[in-house]
Protein backbone atom coordinates (compact mmCIF):
# COMPACT_ATOMS: atom_id res chain seq x y z
CA MET A 1 243.95 281.54 103.61
CA GLN A 2 247.58 280.26 103.43
CA LEU A 3 249.34 281.65 100.51
CA SER A 4 251.89 278.83 99.34
CA ASN A 5 255.94 279.77 99.50
CA GLU A 6 255.56 280.66 95.75
CA ASP A 7 252.27 282.79 95.63
CA GLU A 8 254.13 284.68 98.63
CA GLU A 9 256.93 285.12 96.89
CA TYR A 10 255.50 286.69 93.77
CA SER A 11 253.13 288.72 96.06
CA LEU A 12 256.21 290.22 97.62
CA SER A 13 258.00 290.69 94.38
CA LEU A 14 255.21 292.86 92.87
CA SER A 15 254.92 294.80 96.46
CA LYS A 16 259.24 295.55 96.16
CA PHE A 17 258.28 296.60 92.80
CA GLU A 18 255.59 298.96 93.28
CA SER A 19 257.05 300.83 96.50
CA MET A 20 260.63 301.33 94.55
CA LEU A 21 258.72 303.07 91.78
CA LYS A 22 257.21 305.17 94.19
CA THR A 23 260.74 305.83 95.95
CA ASN A 24 262.73 305.91 92.79
CA LYS A 25 265.33 303.28 94.67
CA VAL A 26 266.94 300.85 91.97
CA LEU A 27 266.17 297.73 93.35
CA PHE A 28 267.66 294.13 92.30
CA PHE A 29 265.08 291.31 90.71
CA ASP A 30 266.17 288.13 89.24
CA SER A 31 264.99 287.67 85.45
CA GLU A 32 262.21 285.26 86.70
CA GLU A 33 260.57 288.10 89.26
CA PHE A 34 260.54 290.50 86.48
CA GLU A 35 259.01 287.81 84.10
CA ASP A 36 256.27 287.55 86.64
CA ILE A 37 255.73 290.85 87.55
CA ILE A 38 255.68 291.97 83.71
CA LEU A 39 253.37 289.27 82.85
CA HIS A 40 251.05 290.62 85.83
CA TYR A 41 250.80 293.98 84.55
CA LEU A 42 250.27 292.56 81.08
CA ASP A 43 247.04 290.28 82.78
CA THR A 44 245.30 292.98 84.39
CA GLY A 45 245.84 295.62 81.38
CA LYS A 46 248.63 297.60 83.09
CA ALA A 47 250.26 298.00 79.85
CA SER A 48 252.39 301.39 80.92
CA LEU A 49 253.44 299.44 83.94
CA ALA A 50 254.45 296.32 82.25
CA LYS A 51 256.50 298.57 79.63
CA LYS A 52 258.56 300.15 82.66
CA ALA A 53 259.15 296.98 84.10
CA LEU A 54 260.63 295.90 80.87
CA LYS A 55 262.85 298.45 80.51
CA LEU A 56 264.65 298.28 84.07
CA ALA A 57 264.10 294.21 83.39
CA LEU A 58 266.42 294.66 80.38
CA GLU A 59 268.86 296.99 81.58
CA GLN A 60 269.53 294.36 85.00
CA HIS A 61 269.37 291.38 82.35
CA PRO A 62 270.33 292.18 78.91
CA ARG A 63 271.03 288.61 77.68
CA SER A 64 267.85 287.33 79.39
CA THR A 65 266.11 285.17 76.86
CA GLY A 66 263.07 284.99 78.50
CA LEU A 67 262.71 288.97 79.08
CA LYS A 68 263.10 289.12 75.35
CA LEU A 69 260.95 286.62 74.52
CA VAL A 70 258.26 288.54 77.02
CA GLN A 71 259.59 291.68 75.05
CA VAL A 72 258.24 289.82 71.95
CA GLU A 73 255.25 289.36 73.42
CA MET A 74 254.59 292.66 74.56
CA LEU A 75 255.48 294.14 70.87
CA ILE A 76 253.03 291.62 69.38
CA TYR A 77 250.11 293.19 72.00
CA ASP A 78 251.10 297.02 70.63
CA ASP A 79 250.63 295.28 67.00
CA LYS A 80 254.75 296.23 66.07
CA LEU A 81 254.85 292.29 64.03
CA ASP A 82 258.07 293.60 62.13
CA GLN A 83 259.83 294.61 65.19
CA ALA A 84 258.66 291.01 67.02
CA GLU A 85 259.54 289.48 64.14
CA LYS A 86 263.12 290.89 64.26
CA LEU A 87 263.96 290.04 67.38
CA LEU A 88 262.71 286.39 67.42
CA ASN A 89 264.99 285.83 64.36
CA GLU A 90 267.75 286.92 66.83
CA LEU A 91 266.51 284.67 69.71
CA PHE A 92 266.18 281.72 66.97
CA ALA A 93 269.63 281.91 66.55
CA LEU A 94 270.85 281.37 70.04
CA GLU A 95 267.74 279.11 71.12
CA PRO A 96 266.61 276.91 68.14
CA HIS A 97 264.68 274.57 70.23
CA ASN A 98 263.15 277.18 72.61
CA GLU A 99 259.05 276.51 72.51
CA GLU A 100 258.31 279.92 73.10
CA ILE A 101 259.81 281.55 69.98
CA TYR A 102 257.73 279.22 67.61
CA ILE A 103 254.48 280.08 69.93
CA GLN A 104 255.46 283.44 69.59
CA LYS A 105 256.03 283.04 65.48
CA ALA A 106 252.49 281.09 65.53
CA ASN A 107 251.10 284.33 67.13
CA ILE A 108 252.24 286.98 64.53
CA PHE A 109 251.38 284.57 62.09
CA SER A 110 248.00 284.71 63.67
CA LYS A 111 247.90 288.36 63.85
CA ARG A 112 248.19 288.42 60.02
CA ASP A 113 245.75 285.94 59.08
CA LYS A 114 248.24 283.23 58.16
CA HIS A 115 246.08 280.56 60.55
CA GLU A 116 247.75 277.69 58.77
CA GLU A 117 251.34 279.07 58.87
CA ALA A 118 250.87 279.44 62.62
CA VAL A 119 249.45 275.95 62.89
CA GLU A 120 252.60 274.73 61.26
CA GLN A 121 255.04 276.73 64.04
CA LEU A 122 252.84 275.14 66.89
CA LYS A 123 253.75 271.75 65.24
CA ILE A 124 257.28 272.83 65.52
CA ALA A 125 256.40 273.70 69.15
CA LEU A 126 254.85 270.74 70.37
CA THR A 127 258.32 268.45 69.58
CA TYR A 128 259.99 270.87 72.09
CA THR A 129 257.62 271.59 74.83
CA GLU A 130 256.83 269.96 78.33
CA ASP A 131 253.69 272.35 78.42
CA TYR A 132 251.38 269.84 75.77
CA ALA A 133 247.94 271.45 76.80
CA ASP A 134 249.15 274.97 76.34
CA VAL A 135 249.76 274.19 72.43
CA TYR A 136 247.31 272.30 71.85
CA ASN A 137 245.27 275.05 73.07
CA LEU A 138 246.19 277.79 70.63
CA MET A 139 246.15 274.91 68.06
CA GLY A 140 242.91 275.00 68.66
CA MET A 141 242.25 278.33 69.00
CA GLU A 142 243.84 278.71 65.09
CA TYR A 143 241.16 276.13 63.88
CA LEU A 144 238.83 278.28 65.24
CA PHE A 145 239.52 280.71 63.59
CA MET A 146 239.83 278.95 59.90
CA ASP A 147 236.40 277.69 60.73
CA ASN A 148 237.97 274.02 60.61
CA LEU A 149 235.78 273.12 63.67
CA GLU A 150 236.84 269.35 64.00
CA LEU A 151 240.30 269.88 63.96
CA ALA A 152 239.34 272.66 66.81
CA LYS A 153 237.61 270.32 68.49
CA GLU A 154 239.69 267.35 68.18
CA ASN A 155 242.99 269.80 69.63
CA PHE A 156 240.81 271.22 72.51
CA ILE A 157 239.85 267.26 73.72
CA LYS A 158 243.98 266.78 73.60
CA CYS A 159 244.21 269.66 75.56
CA LEU A 160 242.05 268.54 78.44
CA GLU A 161 243.79 265.32 78.47
CA GLU A 162 246.62 266.96 79.28
CA ASP A 163 245.24 269.43 81.91
CA THR A 164 241.75 268.70 82.78
CA GLU A 165 241.53 271.44 84.40
CA ASP A 166 241.71 274.05 81.44
CA GLN A 167 237.70 275.93 81.40
CA ALA A 168 239.04 277.61 78.80
CA ALA A 169 239.14 274.59 76.73
CA LEU A 170 236.37 272.41 78.13
CA TYR A 171 233.93 275.79 76.93
CA ASN A 172 235.44 275.78 73.81
CA VAL A 173 235.19 271.47 72.98
CA VAL A 174 231.47 272.14 74.09
CA TYR A 175 231.19 275.10 71.67
CA CYS A 176 232.80 273.09 68.58
CA PHE A 177 230.29 270.23 69.18
CA GLU A 178 227.47 272.44 69.51
CA PHE A 179 228.61 274.16 65.95
CA LEU A 180 228.73 271.18 64.50
CA ASP A 181 225.33 269.86 65.91
CA GLN A 182 226.54 267.01 67.45
CA ASN A 183 225.03 267.41 71.21
CA VAL A 184 224.89 263.78 71.50
CA GLU A 185 228.26 262.94 70.50
CA ALA A 186 229.18 266.66 73.28
CA ILE A 187 227.35 264.20 75.93
CA GLU A 188 229.14 261.37 75.55
CA TYR A 189 232.37 262.92 75.63
CA LEU A 190 231.27 265.06 78.76
CA ASN A 191 230.22 261.71 80.25
CA GLN A 192 233.60 260.31 79.78
CA TYR A 193 235.41 264.14 81.03
CA ILE A 194 233.15 263.66 84.35
CA ASP A 195 234.18 260.11 85.26
CA ARG A 196 238.20 261.14 85.26
CA ASN A 197 237.10 265.07 86.64
CA PRO A 198 233.79 264.34 88.58
CA TYR A 199 233.72 267.84 90.61
CA SER A 200 233.82 269.97 87.92
CA GLU A 201 230.45 272.06 88.08
CA ILE A 202 231.55 273.33 84.46
CA ALA A 203 231.21 270.11 83.17
CA TRP A 204 227.84 269.60 84.67
CA HIS A 205 226.43 272.52 83.69
CA GLN A 206 227.67 272.23 80.07
CA MET A 207 226.06 268.66 80.38
CA GLY A 208 222.85 269.93 81.61
CA ARG A 209 222.98 272.76 78.95
CA LEU A 210 223.31 270.25 76.39
CA HIS A 211 220.04 267.69 78.03
CA TYR A 212 217.81 270.80 77.88
CA GLY A 213 218.20 271.75 74.42
CA ILE A 214 217.56 267.87 73.32
CA LYS A 215 214.69 268.25 75.31
CA GLN A 216 215.94 265.64 77.49
CA TYR A 217 214.53 267.68 80.91
CA GLU A 218 214.65 265.11 83.86
CA GLU A 219 218.44 264.96 82.59
CA ALA A 220 219.59 268.62 82.13
CA LEU A 221 217.95 268.54 86.19
CA ARG A 222 220.19 265.96 87.26
CA ALA A 223 223.17 267.65 85.48
CA PHE A 224 222.41 271.23 87.03
CA ASP A 225 221.63 269.35 90.59
CA TYR A 226 225.04 268.49 90.68
CA ALA A 227 226.60 271.66 88.92
CA THR A 228 225.16 273.26 92.45
CA LEU A 229 226.03 270.64 94.86
CA ILE A 230 229.46 271.37 93.26
CA ASP A 231 229.32 275.15 93.62
CA GLU A 232 225.98 276.35 95.74
CA GLU A 233 226.91 279.85 94.04
CA PHE A 234 227.06 278.88 90.71
CA LEU A 235 224.28 281.07 89.63
CA GLY A 236 223.94 280.42 85.82
CA ALA A 237 223.52 276.10 87.04
CA PHE A 238 220.52 277.68 89.00
CA MET A 239 218.66 279.76 86.27
CA GLU A 240 219.52 276.76 84.24
CA LYS A 241 217.74 274.34 87.04
CA GLY A 242 214.44 276.57 87.12
CA LYS A 243 214.00 276.33 83.47
CA SER A 244 214.38 272.93 83.42
CA LEU A 245 211.93 272.98 86.53
CA GLU A 246 209.63 274.70 84.54
CA ARG A 247 209.69 272.09 81.46
CA LEU A 248 208.67 269.62 83.63
CA LYS A 249 206.05 271.62 85.21
CA ARG A 250 207.41 271.57 88.69
CA TYR A 251 206.73 275.36 89.25
CA ASP A 252 207.18 275.41 93.25
CA GLU A 253 211.06 273.91 92.83
CA ALA A 254 211.48 276.30 89.77
CA ILE A 255 210.50 279.58 92.08
CA GLU A 256 212.99 278.57 94.68
CA SER A 257 215.93 277.89 92.22
CA TYR A 258 215.19 281.45 90.25
CA ASN A 259 214.85 282.75 94.11
CA ARG A 260 218.29 281.04 94.87
CA THR A 261 220.19 283.28 92.09
CA ILE A 262 218.08 286.43 93.69
CA GLU A 263 219.73 285.44 96.72
CA ILE A 264 223.24 284.57 95.11
CA ASP A 265 223.35 288.42 94.00
CA ASP A 266 221.18 291.46 92.43
CA PRO A 267 217.48 289.99 91.16
CA THR A 268 217.70 290.11 87.36
CA SER A 269 214.41 290.99 85.38
CA TYR A 270 214.69 287.74 83.84
CA ALA A 271 214.36 285.79 86.90
CA LEU A 272 211.93 288.29 87.85
CA LEU A 273 209.55 287.54 85.16
CA ARG A 274 210.23 283.73 85.27
CA ILE A 275 209.06 283.55 88.60
CA GLY A 276 206.04 285.68 87.72
CA LYS A 277 205.13 283.08 84.41
CA CYS A 278 205.23 279.95 87.49
CA TYR A 279 202.85 281.57 89.60
CA GLU A 280 201.05 282.15 86.39
CA LYS A 281 200.86 278.78 85.81
CA LEU A 282 200.15 277.36 89.80
CA GLY A 283 197.08 279.86 89.50
CA LYS A 284 198.56 282.58 91.86
CA LYS A 285 197.51 285.57 89.64
CA ALA A 286 198.40 288.14 92.45
CA LEU A 287 201.49 287.22 92.73
CA ALA A 288 202.49 286.44 89.25
CA LEU A 289 201.27 290.29 88.50
CA LYS A 290 203.39 291.63 91.56
CA TYR A 291 206.35 289.66 89.86
CA TYR A 292 206.04 290.95 86.55
CA ASN A 293 205.57 294.47 88.22
CA LYS A 294 209.12 294.20 89.89
CA THR A 295 210.29 292.66 86.60
CA VAL A 296 209.43 296.65 84.73
CA HIS A 297 210.53 297.92 87.38
CA GLU A 298 213.83 296.31 87.37
CA ASP A 299 214.43 296.32 83.58
CA PRO A 300 211.90 299.26 82.39
CA LEU A 301 213.35 298.00 78.10
CA LEU A 302 213.00 294.59 79.05
CA ASP A 303 210.02 293.69 76.24
CA LYS A 304 209.12 290.26 77.61
CA GLY A 305 208.07 292.12 80.89
CA TRP A 306 205.50 294.70 79.61
CA ILE A 307 204.14 291.61 77.31
CA ALA A 308 204.22 289.67 80.22
CA ILE A 309 201.69 292.10 82.39
CA THR A 310 200.04 293.08 78.84
CA ASP A 311 199.60 289.44 77.96
CA PHE A 312 198.37 288.96 82.06
CA TYR A 313 195.34 290.82 81.29
CA VAL A 314 194.40 289.82 77.98
CA ARG A 315 194.31 286.26 79.62
CA GLU A 316 192.12 288.29 82.14
CA LYS A 317 189.63 289.71 79.53
CA ASN A 318 190.53 293.07 81.19
CA PHE A 319 191.46 295.03 77.64
CA GLN A 320 191.42 298.26 79.33
CA LYS A 321 194.04 297.80 81.19
CA ALA A 322 196.07 295.51 78.76
CA LEU A 323 195.73 298.95 76.64
CA PHE A 324 197.01 300.64 79.16
CA TYR A 325 200.44 298.49 79.56
CA VAL A 326 200.72 297.90 76.06
CA ASN A 327 201.05 301.65 75.12
CA LYS A 328 203.24 302.18 77.94
CA ALA A 329 205.60 299.93 76.33
CA LEU A 330 205.11 302.13 72.84
CA ASN A 331 206.38 304.94 74.93
CA ILE A 332 209.21 303.20 75.75
CA ASP A 333 210.03 301.84 72.28
CA ASN A 334 207.77 302.51 69.46
CA SER A 335 209.79 300.03 66.92
CA ASN A 336 209.23 297.14 68.39
CA ARG A 337 206.93 294.59 66.58
CA LEU A 338 205.43 292.49 69.39
CA TYR A 339 204.16 295.60 71.23
CA TRP A 340 202.15 297.02 67.88
CA LYS A 341 200.78 293.63 67.14
CA ARG A 342 199.62 293.29 71.01
CA TYR A 343 198.26 296.54 70.57
CA ALA A 344 196.43 295.95 67.16
CA VAL A 345 195.13 292.19 69.06
CA ILE A 346 193.62 294.38 71.73
CA ASN A 347 192.34 297.38 69.99
CA LYS A 348 190.76 294.34 67.90
CA GLU A 349 188.83 292.94 70.88
CA MET A 350 187.59 296.05 71.69
CA ASN A 351 186.45 296.85 68.12
CA PHE A 352 188.76 299.76 67.69
CA PHE A 353 189.35 298.98 63.89
CA GLU A 354 190.75 301.78 62.93
CA GLU A 355 193.58 301.92 65.55
CA ALA A 356 193.87 297.58 65.43
CA GLU A 357 194.50 298.33 61.69
CA VAL A 358 197.12 300.61 62.49
CA GLY A 359 198.62 297.93 65.05
CA TYR A 360 199.27 295.61 62.18
CA ARG A 361 200.58 297.68 59.53
CA LYS A 362 202.92 298.83 62.08
CA ALA A 363 204.14 295.64 63.39
CA VAL A 364 204.52 294.20 59.31
CA GLU A 365 206.19 297.32 58.67
CA LEU A 366 208.37 296.37 61.11
CA GLY A 367 209.02 292.87 60.21
CA ASP A 368 206.26 290.91 61.51
CA TYR A 369 206.04 288.48 58.98
CA GLN A 370 203.65 285.82 60.41
CA LEU A 371 200.78 284.89 58.20
CA ASP A 372 198.04 285.38 60.81
CA THR A 373 199.60 288.97 61.44
CA TRP A 374 199.14 289.41 57.62
CA LEU A 375 195.63 287.66 57.40
CA PHE A 376 194.00 289.91 60.77
CA TRP A 377 195.55 293.46 59.19
CA VAL A 378 193.75 292.17 55.81
CA ASP A 379 189.96 291.23 57.35
CA ILE A 380 190.54 294.93 59.03
CA LEU A 381 190.96 296.41 55.74
CA GLN A 382 188.32 294.93 54.62
CA PHE A 383 185.79 295.31 57.40
CA LEU A 384 186.61 298.71 57.01
CA GLY A 385 185.80 298.45 53.18
CA GLU A 386 189.21 299.48 51.91
CA PHE A 387 189.29 296.75 49.44
CA ASP A 388 192.14 298.61 47.45
CA SER A 389 194.36 298.51 50.26
CA ALA A 390 193.34 294.64 51.47
CA THR A 391 194.05 293.32 47.91
CA THR A 392 197.75 295.24 47.95
CA THR A 393 198.60 293.43 51.24
CA LEU A 394 197.36 290.43 50.01
CA LEU A 395 199.37 290.52 47.13
CA GLN A 396 202.72 291.43 49.12
CA ALA A 397 202.03 288.48 51.54
CA SER A 398 201.48 286.01 48.58
CA GLU A 399 205.20 286.92 48.30
CA TYR A 400 206.18 285.41 51.41
CA PHE A 401 203.36 282.65 51.28
CA PRO A 402 202.67 281.48 47.46
CA ASP A 403 200.99 278.56 48.27
CA GLU A 404 198.71 279.79 51.28
CA TYR A 405 195.16 278.80 50.78
CA GLU A 406 193.85 281.40 53.24
CA ILE A 407 195.54 284.12 51.05
CA GLU A 408 194.29 282.83 47.69
CA TYR A 409 190.01 282.63 49.11
CA ARG A 410 190.45 286.27 50.14
CA LEU A 411 192.00 287.31 46.98
CA ALA A 412 189.18 285.61 45.19
CA GLY A 413 186.34 287.20 47.26
CA ILE A 414 187.88 290.64 47.29
CA TYR A 415 187.91 290.34 43.26
CA PHE A 416 184.82 288.88 42.89
CA MET A 417 183.53 291.38 45.31
CA GLN A 418 184.87 294.19 42.52
CA ARG A 419 183.18 292.29 40.12
CA ASP A 420 187.01 291.84 38.58
CA ASP A 421 185.42 288.13 37.26
CA ALA A 422 189.29 287.10 35.33
CA LYS A 423 191.27 287.82 38.26
CA GLY A 424 188.42 286.07 40.70
CA LYS A 425 188.56 283.03 38.96
CA PHE A 426 192.50 282.95 38.93
CA HIS A 427 192.72 282.59 42.49
CA LEU A 428 189.63 280.86 43.30
CA SER A 429 190.63 278.34 40.95
CA ASN A 430 194.60 278.49 43.13
CA ALA A 431 192.53 278.26 46.29
CA LEU A 432 190.26 275.08 45.53
CA ARG A 433 193.59 273.68 44.00
CA LEU A 434 195.92 274.26 47.49
CA ASN A 435 192.95 273.34 49.85
CA PHE A 436 189.22 272.29 48.58
CA LYS A 437 188.39 271.28 52.06
CA ASN A 438 188.15 274.76 53.52
CA HIS A 439 186.41 276.07 50.72
CA LYS A 440 183.78 277.61 52.95
CA LEU A 441 186.34 279.94 54.15
CA LEU A 442 184.95 281.80 51.29
CA LYS A 443 181.56 281.98 52.47
CA ASP A 444 182.30 282.83 55.86
CA LEU A 445 184.62 285.87 55.01
CA PHE A 446 182.46 286.73 51.33
CA PRO A 447 178.99 285.92 51.55
CA VAL A 448 177.83 288.23 49.00
CA ALA A 449 180.40 286.45 46.44
CA TRP A 450 179.53 282.96 47.39
CA GLU A 451 176.08 283.75 46.27
CA ARG A 452 177.62 284.58 42.98
CA LYS A 453 176.26 282.32 40.38
CA ILE A 454 180.19 282.22 38.57
CA VAL A 455 181.67 281.15 42.18
CA ARG A 456 179.05 278.26 42.91
CA ASN A 457 179.17 276.81 39.36
CA MET A 458 183.78 276.88 40.11
CA ILE A 459 183.19 275.14 42.97
CA ASP A 460 180.62 272.77 41.61
CA LYS A 461 182.87 271.76 38.73
CA TYR A 462 185.80 271.64 41.08
CA LYS A 463 183.87 269.30 43.17
CA SER A 464 182.60 266.92 40.14
CA GLU A 465 186.39 266.64 38.76
CA HIS A 466 188.25 265.68 41.63
């Protein structure tokens, strides 16, 4: 690759400076060369080299405003804000129309969480600068800090009007649109942006993401296609393209797209898992299992990989193997509620009710508050004859689901079974009010309670009155 004259000069300056440090000879650099060298070291995180360069620079050019502004930047970088402010005030007295002074003042205000004052300084900088894009970008960031997403978005858009190549601003614009729940408006904006900049793979990729987010999978696929045509190594776009193809049930093409990500970079557990899912959808079970195994080999801590293998065997009704894999997963992470729920479901299928009860209990303790988890757990407690535990669990569940007929019918059944008729009547009344149509649930779950006269009378009375 040919270097431009500017790049070549910059590279020579850097080499010259580094050889000077090794030989301890003092060589002369002009102030702009020093600025480039210092900023290079700052950008690459080599703060000590940046400080050495600045010290030498100020010895050779003690009056250079540019170097003093770099010094201000380094003081801010080191959180020496008072010193930076003092030096800026001195520079302001000499050059009140230098936009960089206002930018650095804004930087200090921002560091002190005074974002409104920072914006005021940046507005002044706008009146002196020729680099509008940079100032608009900085203003956008300040508005982001203030959670004013509308004004942030406005400034990032202005930045992109000045510099269509600013990728960070493009990502920030889309972030603002998404945060404001304006996906459709974001797509409209990106269409306009792409009209001006049709070869922006980032814009096409973001367009695809937005279409995918609102379930427009054909449009998403088209956008990801363009992104991958512009940049044939765009791993993220190939991954998203695969997801869109999956949604469109084009599983063979989705596998191709995921395989492309593996060609570009090392295989990711996510890509391997998706390939496995696609093969399973295509009915190629052996290949699906092969890729699920590759997934957990690549990342043994990926819960979705272990669950994919477990669910595969559950669908095959091979509960013995499913139990083996879910236990393997629990050995790696026994605080995962998804593992415990699978463990409970599998044990229940194998009629290991005590183990199933443990699984459901652990799942709930670890934060699985889905209704079906509570209900399966309660039904097993009841099957095991643990009526007091079942009642306590149902009352706990009713705090999360206060108007759920399935809970009320179960509470009514248990109380009637225990001859606590007052509580039984209360909960049966609630259940009938919430869902009379499914009142046979009581018969299915509590046939003994169903036959009691008090229960039959309540149901018949409710039926006649409604």
